[in-house]
Amino acid sequence: MNLRTEDREAAAAIYRRYKEPFLTTIKGALSKEWLLRAEGVQVLHGFETTGDAQAYLLSNLFNQDVVTALSPYLQNSPDIRIYAVV
């Protein structure tokens, strides 16, 4: 995610607010990590399956809660990717 430096703490607070609900209510959720980079922030989500990851992107928690809360801070649309470890 591309965030202005001054908005990173507000975005981190949103991450912290929704980490526990993600881990306890989303099917297949295994982990959620906040990574700071010079060019932006990444949030890595771990799931049991790629299907669980795809389902999360359609969930109310993601679309109504997380995306709505982060929207004021995003400089552009986030780059969302799903990877499988084989």
PDB file of N, CA and C in Angstrom:
ATOM      1  N   MET A   1       0.850  -1.164   0.000  1.00  0.00           N
ATOM      2  CA  MET A   1       0.000   0.000   0.000  1.00  0.00           C
ATOM      3  C   MET A   1       0.895   1.226   0.000  1.00  0.00           C
ATOM      4  N   ASN A   2       0.509   2.187  -0.779  1.00  0.00           N
ATOM      5  CA  ASN A   2       1.213   3.454  -0.781  1.00  0.00           C
ATOM      6  C   ASN A   2       0.493   4.418   0.152  1.00  0.00           C
ATOM      7  N   LEU A   3       1.200   4.773   1.222  1.00  0.00           N
ATOM      8  CA  LEU A   3       0.668   5.674   2.241  1.00  0.00           C
ATOM      9  C   LEU A   3       1.658   6.800   2.458  1.00  0.00           C
ATOM     10  N   ARG A   4       1.139   7.990   2.726  1.00  0.00           N
ATOM     11  CA  ARG A   4       2.039   9.069   3.122  1.00  0.00           C
ATOM     12  C   ARG A   4       2.657   8.692   4.468  1.00  0.00           C
ATOM     13  N   THR A   5       3.878   9.096   4.689  1.00  0.00           N
ATOM     14  CA  THR A   5       4.577   8.772   5.928  1.00  0.00           C
ATOM     15  C   THR A   5       3.760   9.167   7.147  1.00  0.00           C
ATOM     16  N   GLU A   6       3.135  10.323   7.085  1.00  0.00           N
ATOM     17  CA  GLU A   6       2.363  10.797   8.238  1.00  0.00           C
ATOM     18  C   GLU A   6       1.082   9.993   8.478  1.00  0.00           C
ATOM     19  N   ASP A   7       0.665   9.159   7.517  1.00  0.00           N
ATOM     20  CA  ASP A   7      -0.547   8.344   7.673  1.00  0.00           C
ATOM     21  C   ASP A   7      -0.252   6.911   8.089  1.00  0.00           C
ATOM     22  N   ARG A   8       1.017   6.556   8.161  1.00  0.00           N
ATOM     23  CA  ARG A   8       1.360   5.165   8.472  1.00  0.00           C
ATOM     24  C   ARG A   8       0.894   4.729   9.863  1.00  0.00           C
ATOM     25  N   GLU A   9       0.986   5.597  10.843  1.00  0.00           N
ATOM     26  CA  GLU A   9       0.568   5.208  12.194  1.00  0.00           C
ATOM     27  C   GLU A   9      -0.943   4.981  12.248  1.00  0.00           C
ATOM     28  N   ALA A  10      -1.714   5.812  11.565  1.00  0.00           N
ATOM     29  CA  ALA A  10      -3.173   5.622  11.527  1.00  0.00           C
ATOM     30  C   ALA A  10      -3.512   4.307  10.827  1.00  0.00           C
ATOM     31  N   ALA A  11      -2.806   3.995   9.753  1.00  0.00           N
ATOM     32  CA  ALA A  11      -3.039   2.729   9.051  1.00  0.00           C
ATOM     33  C   ALA A  11      -2.613   1.551   9.918  1.00  0.00           C
ATOM     34  N   ALA A  12      -1.527   1.701  10.669  1.00  0.00           N
ATOM     35  CA  ALA A  12      -1.086   0.634  11.577  1.00  0.00           C
ATOM     36  C   ALA A  12      -2.125   0.375  12.662  1.00  0.00           C
ATOM     37  N   ALA A  13      -2.790   1.427  13.128  1.00  0.00           N
ATOM     38  CA  ALA A  13      -3.851   1.262  14.130  1.00  0.00           C
ATOM     39  C   ALA A  13      -5.010   0.452  13.543  1.00  0.00           C
ATOM     40  N   ILE A  14      -5.312   0.661  12.279  1.00  0.00           N
ATOM     41  CA  ILE A  14      -6.374  -0.117  11.622  1.00  0.00           C
ATOM     42  C   ILE A  14      -5.946  -1.577  11.518  1.00  0.00           C
ATOM     43  N   TYR A  15      -4.699  -1.798  11.149  1.00  0.00           N
ATOM     44  CA  TYR A  15      -4.158  -3.161  11.100  1.00  0.00           C
ATOM     45  C   TYR A  15      -4.332  -3.843  12.463  1.00  0.00           C
ATOM     46  N   ARG A  16      -3.925  -3.159  13.523  1.00  0.00           N
ATOM     47  CA  ARG A  16      -4.028  -3.747  14.861  1.00  0.00           C
ATOM     48  C   ARG A  16      -5.485  -4.005  15.258  1.00  0.00           C
ATOM     49  N   ARG A  17      -6.387  -3.094  14.879  1.00  0.00           N
ATOM     50  CA  ARG A  17      -7.804  -3.237  15.223  1.00  0.00           C
ATOM     51  C   ARG A  17      -8.411  -4.493  14.589  1.00  0.00           C
ATOM     52  N   TYR A  18      -8.028  -4.798  13.356  1.00  0.00           N
ATOM     53  CA  TYR A  18      -8.672  -5.897  12.645  1.00  0.00           C
ATOM     54  C   TYR A  18      -7.865  -7.187  12.598  1.00  0.00           C
ATOM     55  N   LYS A  19      -6.681  -7.208  13.201  1.00  0.00           N
ATOM     56  CA  LYS A  19      -5.871  -8.433  13.186  1.00  0.00           C
ATOM     57  C   LYS A  19      -6.573  -9.574  13.915  1.00  0.00           C
ATOM     58  N   GLU A  20      -7.009  -9.334  15.157  1.00  0.00           N
ATOM     59  CA  GLU A  20      -7.654 -10.397  15.931  1.00  0.00           C
ATOM     60  C   GLU A  20      -8.961 -10.875  15.293  1.00  0.00           C
ATOM     61  N   PRO A  21      -9.858  -9.981  14.850  1.00  0.00           N
ATOM     62  CA  PRO A  21     -11.064 -10.471  14.172  1.00  0.00           C
ATOM     63  C   PRO A  21     -10.730 -11.288  12.917  1.00  0.00           C
ATOM     64  N   PHE A  22      -9.695 -10.878  12.192  1.00  0.00           N
ATOM     65  CA  PHE A  22      -9.268 -11.655  11.027  1.00  0.00           C
ATOM     66  C   PHE A  22      -8.869 -13.064  11.453  1.00  0.00           C
ATOM     67  N   LEU A  23      -8.009 -13.159  12.453  1.00  0.00           N
ATOM     68  CA  LEU A  23      -7.494 -14.470  12.868  1.00  0.00           C
ATOM     69  C   LEU A  23      -8.556 -15.359  13.504  1.00  0.00           C
ATOM     70  N   THR A  24      -9.570 -14.767  14.116  1.00  0.00           N
ATOM     71  CA  THR A  24     -10.566 -15.577  14.831  1.00  0.00           C
ATOM     72  C   THR A  24     -11.862 -15.809  14.069  1.00  0.00           C
ATOM     73  N   THR A  25     -12.132 -15.020  13.016  1.00  0.00           N
ATOM     74  CA  THR A  25     -13.421 -15.185  12.336  1.00  0.00           C
ATOM     75  C   THR A  25     -13.319 -15.585  10.868  1.00  0.00           C
ATOM     76  N   ILE A  26     -12.163 -15.451  10.263  1.00  0.00           N
ATOM     77  CA  ILE A  26     -12.034 -15.756   8.836  1.00  0.00           C
ATOM     78  C   ILE A  26     -11.573 -17.201   8.660  1.00  0.00           C
ATOM     79  N   LYS A  27     -12.328 -17.951   7.884  1.00  0.00           N
ATOM     80  CA  LYS A  27     -12.022 -19.362   7.640  1.00  0.00           C
ATOM     81  C   LYS A  27     -10.626 -19.492   7.038  1.00  0.00           C
ATOM     82  N   GLY A  28      -9.821 -20.339   7.636  1.00  0.00           N
ATOM     83  CA  GLY A  28      -8.494 -20.642   7.117  1.00  0.00           C
ATOM     84  C   GLY A  28      -7.417 -19.617   7.439  1.00  0.00           C
ATOM     85  N   ALA A  29      -7.750 -18.564   8.182  1.00  0.00           N
ATOM     86  CA  ALA A  29      -6.754 -17.535   8.512  1.00  0.00           C
ATOM     87  C   ALA A  29      -5.694 -18.111   9.452  1.00  0.00           C
ATOM     88  N   LEU A  30      -4.429 -17.929   9.095  1.00  0.00           N
ATOM     89  CA  LEU A  30      -3.323 -18.436   9.899  1.00  0.00           C
ATOM     90  C   LEU A  30      -2.445 -17.336  10.483  1.00  0.00           C
ATOM     91  N   SER A  31      -2.259 -16.249   9.730  1.00  0.00           N
ATOM     92  CA  SER A  31      -1.363 -15.189  10.193  1.00  0.00           C
ATOM     93  C   SER A  31      -1.682 -13.882   9.488  1.00  0.00           C
ATOM     94  N   LYS A  32      -1.182 -12.791  10.078  1.00  0.00           N
ATOM     95  CA  LYS A  32      -1.325 -11.463   9.485  1.00  0.00           C
ATOM     96  C   LYS A  32      -0.144 -10.640   9.976  1.00  0.00           C
ATOM     97  N   GLU A  33       0.676 -10.145   9.050  1.00  0.00           N
ATOM     98  CA  GLU A  33       1.894  -9.421   9.403  1.00  0.00           C
ATOM     99  C   GLU A  33       1.950  -8.072   8.697  1.00  0.00           C
ATOM    100  N   TRP A  34       2.441  -7.055   9.397  1.00  0.00           N
ATOM    101  CA  TRP A  34       2.584  -5.681   8.909  1.00  0.00           C
ATOM    102  C   TRP A  34       4.056  -5.467   8.568  1.00  0.00           C
ATOM    103  N   LEU A  35       4.369  -5.176   7.309  1.00  0.00           N
ATOM    104  CA  LEU A  35       5.750  -4.969   6.872  1.00  0.00           C
ATOM    105  C   LEU A  35       5.934  -3.546   6.371  1.00  0.00           C
ATOM    106  N   LEU A  36       6.872  -2.832   6.964  1.00  0.00           N
ATOM    107  CA  LEU A  36       7.183  -1.472   6.524  1.00  0.00           C
ATOM    108  C   LEU A  36       8.310  -1.516   5.501  1.00  0.00           C
ATOM    109  N   ARG A  37       8.123  -0.785   4.407  1.00  0.00           N
ATOM    110  CA  ARG A  37       9.148  -0.647   3.375  1.00  0.00           C
ATOM    111  C   ARG A  37       9.302   0.838   3.089  1.00  0.00           C
ATOM    112  N   ALA A  38      10.415   1.226   2.504  1.00  0.00           N
ATOM    113  CA  ALA A  38      10.622   2.634   2.161  1.00  0.00           C
ATOM    114  C   ALA A  38       9.534   3.126   1.218  1.00  0.00           C
ATOM    115  N   GLU A  39       9.119   2.298   0.274  1.00  0.00           N
ATOM    116  CA  GLU A  39       8.135   2.713  -0.716  1.00  0.00           C
ATOM    117  C   GLU A  39       6.687   2.462  -0.309  1.00  0.00           C
ATOM    118  N   GLY A  40       6.475   1.902   0.856  1.00  0.00           N
ATOM    119  CA  GLY A  40       5.103   1.687   1.300  1.00  0.00           C
ATOM    120  C   GLY A  40       5.016   0.631   2.381  1.00  0.00           C
ATOM    121  N   VAL A  41       3.832   0.102   2.540  1.00  0.00           N
ATOM    122  CA  VAL A  41       3.537  -0.886   3.570  1.00  0.00           C
ATOM    123  C   VAL A  41       2.965  -2.119   2.890  1.00  0.00           C
ATOM    124  N   GLN A  42       3.309  -3.282   3.400  1.00  0.00           N
ATOM    125  CA  GLN A  42       2.683  -4.519   2.943  1.00  0.00           C
ATOM    126  C   GLN A  42       2.034  -5.190   4.143  1.00  0.00           C
ATOM    127  N   VAL A  43       0.895  -5.789   3.908  1.00  0.00           N
ATOM    128  CA  VAL A  43       0.262  -6.625   4.917  1.00  0.00           C
ATOM    129  C   VAL A  43       0.181  -8.020   4.316  1.00  0.00           C
ATOM    130  N   LEU A  44       0.861  -8.954   4.951  1.00  0.00           N
ATOM    131  CA  LEU A  44       0.876 -10.337   4.484  1.00  0.00           C
ATOM    132  C   LEU A  44      -0.110 -11.150   5.308  1.00  0.00           C
ATOM    133  N   HIS A  45      -1.023 -11.808   4.621  1.00  0.00           N
ATOM    134  CA  HIS A  45      -2.019 -12.657   5.272  1.00  0.00           C
ATOM    135  C   HIS A  45      -1.694 -14.103   4.925  1.00  0.00           C
ATOM    136  N   GLY A  46      -1.695 -14.979   5.907  1.00  0.00           N
ATOM    137  CA  GLY A  46      -1.500 -16.400   5.673  1.00  0.00           C
ATOM    138  C   GLY A  46      -2.817 -17.135   5.798  1.00  0.00           C
ATOM    139  N   PHE A  47      -3.056 -18.054   4.862  1.00  0.00           N
ATOM    140  CA  PHE A  47      -4.296 -18.838   4.837  1.00  0.00           C
ATOM    141  C   PHE A  47      -3.966 -20.312   4.642  1.00  0.00           C
ATOM    142  N   GLU A  48      -4.890 -21.160   5.014  1.00  0.00           N
ATOM    143  CA  GLU A  48      -4.724 -22.592   4.770  1.00  0.00           C
ATOM    144  C   GLU A  48      -4.757 -22.909   3.281  1.00  0.00           C
ATOM    145  N   THR A  49      -5.629 -22.223   2.523  1.00  0.00           N
ATOM    146  CA  THR A  49      -5.756 -22.496   1.084  1.00  0.00           C
ATOM    147  C   THR A  49      -5.912 -21.187   0.309  1.00  0.00           C
ATOM    148  N   THR A  50      -5.657 -21.237  -0.986  1.00  0.00           N
ATOM    149  CA  THR A  50      -5.884 -20.051  -1.814  1.00  0.00           C
ATOM    150  C   THR A  50      -7.376 -19.736  -1.890  1.00  0.00           C
ATOM    151  N   GLY A  51      -8.215 -20.751  -1.795  1.00  0.00           N
ATOM    152  CA  GLY A  51      -9.664 -20.526  -1.768  1.00  0.00           C
ATOM    153  C   GLY A  51     -10.079 -19.707  -0.550  1.00  0.00           C
ATOM    154  N   ASP A  52      -9.450 -19.981   0.599  1.00  0.00           N
ATOM    155  CA  ASP A  52      -9.736 -19.192   1.805  1.00  0.00           C
ATOM    156  C   ASP A  52      -9.315 -17.741   1.595  1.00  0.00           C
ATOM    157  N   ALA A  53      -8.183 -17.526   0.931  1.00  0.00           N
ATOM    158  CA  ALA A  53      -7.714 -16.162   0.647  1.00  0.00           C
ATOM    159  C   ALA A  53      -8.698 -15.441  -0.269  1.00  0.00           C
ATOM    160  N   GLN A  54      -9.158 -16.110  -1.302  1.00  0.00           N
ATOM    161  CA  GLN A  54     -10.117 -15.502  -2.223  1.00  0.00           C
ATOM    162  C   GLN A  54     -11.427 -15.188  -1.519  1.00  0.00           C
ATOM    163  N   ALA A  55     -11.863 -16.065  -0.633  1.00  0.00           N
ATOM    164  CA  ALA A  55     -13.107 -15.835   0.109  1.00  0.00           C
ATOM    165  C   ALA A  55     -12.966 -14.620   1.030  1.00  0.00           C
ATOM    166  N   TYR A  56     -11.797 -14.434   1.626  1.00  0.00           N
ATOM    167  CA  TYR A  56     -11.572 -13.269   2.492  1.00  0.00           C
ATOM    168  C   TYR A  56     -11.752 -11.970   1.716  1.00  0.00           C
ATOM    169  N   LEU A  57     -11.289 -11.941   0.477  1.00  0.00           N
ATOM    170  CA  LEU A  57     -11.420 -10.731  -0.339  1.00  0.00           C
ATOM    171  C   LEU A  57     -12.874 -10.385  -0.650  1.00  0.00           C
ATOM    172  N   LEU A  58     -13.771 -11.325  -0.472  1.00  0.00           N
ATOM    173  CA  LEU A  58     -15.206 -11.097  -0.677  1.00  0.00           C
ATOM    174  C   LEU A  58     -15.949 -10.879   0.637  1.00  0.00           C
ATOM    175  N   SER A  59     -15.247 -10.994   1.755  1.00  0.00           N
ATOM    176  CA  SER A  59     -15.899 -10.945   3.070  1.00  0.00           C
ATOM    177  C   SER A  59     -16.275  -9.520   3.476  1.00  0.00           C
ATOM    178  N   ASN A  60     -17.236  -9.439   4.379  1.00  0.00           N
ATOM    179  CA  ASN A  60     -17.630  -8.153   4.949  1.00  0.00           C
ATOM    180  C   ASN A  60     -16.483  -7.539   5.754  1.00  0.00           C
ATOM    181  N   LEU A  61     -15.722  -8.362   6.472  1.00  0.00           N
ATOM    182  CA  LEU A  61     -14.609  -7.832   7.258  1.00  0.00           C
ATOM    183  C   LEU A  61     -13.637  -7.084   6.347  1.00  0.00           C
ATOM    184  N   PHE A  62     -13.301  -7.666   5.212  1.00  0.00           N
ATOM    185  CA  PHE A  62     -12.371  -7.011   4.304  1.00  0.00           C
ATOM    186  C   PHE A  62     -13.004  -5.798   3.629  1.00  0.00           C
ATOM    187  N   ASN A  63     -14.151  -5.979   3.004  1.00  0.00           N
ATOM    188  CA  ASN A  63     -14.738  -4.925   2.174  1.00  0.00           C
ATOM    189  C   ASN A  63     -15.417  -3.807   2.956  1.00  0.00           C
ATOM    190  N   GLN A  64     -16.131  -4.142   4.007  1.00  0.00           N
ATOM    191  CA  GLN A  64     -16.874  -3.119   4.736  1.00  0.00           C
ATOM    192  C   GLN A  64     -16.080  -2.515   5.887  1.00  0.00           C
ATOM    193  N   ASP A  65     -15.181  -3.291   6.468  1.00  0.00           N
ATOM    194  CA  ASP A  65     -14.445  -2.801   7.629  1.00  0.00           C
ATOM    195  C   ASP A  65     -13.042  -2.305   7.245  1.00  0.00           C
ATOM    196  N   VAL A  66     -12.194  -3.208   6.791  1.00  0.00           N
ATOM    197  CA  VAL A  66     -10.794  -2.871   6.528  1.00  0.00           C
ATOM    198  C   VAL A  66     -10.662  -1.858   5.390  1.00  0.00           C
ATOM    199  N   VAL A  67     -11.264  -2.138   4.251  1.00  0.00           N
ATOM    200  CA  VAL A  67     -11.125  -1.235   3.096  1.00  0.00           C
ATOM    201  C   VAL A  67     -11.721   0.135   3.411  1.00  0.00           C
ATOM    202  N   THR A  68     -12.878   0.154   4.041  1.00  0.00           N
ATOM    203  CA  THR A  68     -13.513   1.430   4.391  1.00  0.00           C
ATOM    204  C   THR A  68     -12.631   2.239   5.343  1.00  0.00           C
ATOM    205  N   ALA A  69     -12.055   1.575   6.334  1.00  0.00           N
ATOM    206  CA  ALA A  69     -11.214   2.278   7.305  1.00  0.00           C
ATOM    207  C   ALA A  69      -9.914   2.783   6.675  1.00  0.00           C
ATOM    208  N   LEU A  70      -9.333   2.019   5.754  1.00  0.00           N
ATOM    209  CA  LEU A  70      -8.063   2.412   5.132  1.00  0.00           C
ATOM    210  C   LEU A  70      -8.218   3.426   4.001  1.00  0.00           C
ATOM    211  N   SER A  71      -9.373   3.499   3.400  1.00  0.00           N
ATOM    212  CA  SER A  71      -9.576   4.338   2.210  1.00  0.00           C
ATOM    213  C   SER A  71      -9.050   5.767   2.331  1.00  0.00           C
ATOM    214  N   PRO A  72      -9.253   6.466   3.442  1.00  0.00           N
ATOM    215  CA  PRO A  72      -8.757   7.846   3.515  1.00  0.00           C
ATOM    216  C   PRO A  72      -7.230   7.962   3.446  1.00  0.00           C
ATOM    217  N   TYR A  73      -6.527   6.876   3.692  1.00  0.00           N
ATOM    218  CA  TYR A  73      -5.064   6.927   3.771  1.00  0.00           C
ATOM    219  C   TYR A  73      -4.366   6.399   2.515  1.00  0.00           C
ATOM    220  N   LEU A  74      -5.077   5.692   1.662  1.00  0.00           N
ATOM    221  CA  LEU A  74      -4.459   5.084   0.479  1.00  0.00           C
ATOM    222  C   LEU A  74      -4.175   6.121  -0.592  1.00  0.00           C
ATOM    223  N   GLN A  75      -2.972   6.106  -1.132  1.00  0.00           N
ATOM    224  CA  GLN A  75      -2.590   7.014  -2.205  1.00  0.00           C
ATOM    225  C   GLN A  75      -3.057   6.500  -3.572  1.00  0.00           C
ATOM    226  N   ASN A  76      -3.267   5.191  -3.680  1.00  0.00           N
ATOM    227  CA  ASN A  76      -3.799   4.571  -4.887  1.00  0.00           C
ATOM    228  C   ASN A  76      -4.367   3.201  -4.501  1.00  0.00           C
ATOM    229  N   SER A  77      -4.918   2.515  -5.466  1.00  0.00           N
ATOM    230  CA  SER A  77      -5.489   1.196  -5.186  1.00  0.00           C
ATOM    231  C   SER A  77      -4.383   0.227  -4.776  1.00  0.00           C
ATOM    232  N   PRO A  78      -4.611  -0.543  -3.722  1.00  0.00           N
ATOM    233  CA  PRO A  78      -3.582  -1.496  -3.299  1.00  0.00           C
ATOM    234  C   PRO A  78      -3.410  -2.616  -4.323  1.00  0.00           C
ATOM    235  N   ASP A  79      -2.216  -3.127  -4.389  1.00  0.00           N
ATOM    236  CA  ASP A  79      -1.875  -4.257  -5.262  1.00  0.00           C
ATOM    237  C   ASP A  79      -2.110  -5.527  -4.458  1.00  0.00           C
ATOM    238  N   ILE A  80      -3.179  -6.240  -4.756  1.00  0.00           N
ATOM    239  CA  ILE A  80      -3.538  -7.448  -4.002  1.00  0.00           C
ATOM    240  C   ILE A  80      -3.151  -8.663  -4.836  1.00  0.00           C
ATOM    241  N   ARG A  81      -2.375  -9.551  -4.240  1.00  0.00           N
ATOM    242  CA  ARG A  81      -1.928 -10.765  -4.913  1.00  0.00           C
ATOM    243  C   ARG A  81      -2.134 -11.966  -4.010  1.00  0.00           C
ATOM    244  N   ILE A  82      -2.467 -13.083  -4.620  1.00  0.00           N
ATOM    245  CA  ILE A  82      -2.577 -14.344  -3.892  1.00  0.00           C
ATOM    246  C   ILE A  82      -1.506 -15.274  -4.420  1.00  0.00           C
ATOM    247  N   TYR A  83      -0.699 -15.787  -3.501  1.00  0.00           N
ATOM    248  CA  TYR A  83       0.368 -16.724  -3.841  1.00  0.00           C
ATOM    249  C   TYR A  83       0.091 -18.059  -3.173  1.00  0.00           C
ATOM    250  N   ALA A  84       0.536 -19.130  -3.812  1.00  0.00           N
ATOM    251  CA  ALA A  84       0.466 -20.455  -3.212  1.00  0.00           C
ATOM    252  C   ALA A  84       1.894 -20.953  -2.988  1.00  0.00           C
ATOM    253  N   VAL A  85       2.123 -21.529  -1.826  1.00  0.00           N
ATOM    254  CA  VAL A  85       3.412 -22.134  -1.525  1.00  0.00           C
ATOM    255  C   VAL A  85       3.284 -23.617  -1.833  1.00  0.00           C
ATOM    256  N   VAL A  86       4.171 -24.090  -2.684  1.00  0.00           N
ATOM    257  CA  VAL A  86       4.097 -25.504  -3.085  1.00  0.00           C
ATOM    258  C   VAL A  86       5.372 -26.236  -2.738  1.00  0.00           C
TER     259      VAL A  86
END
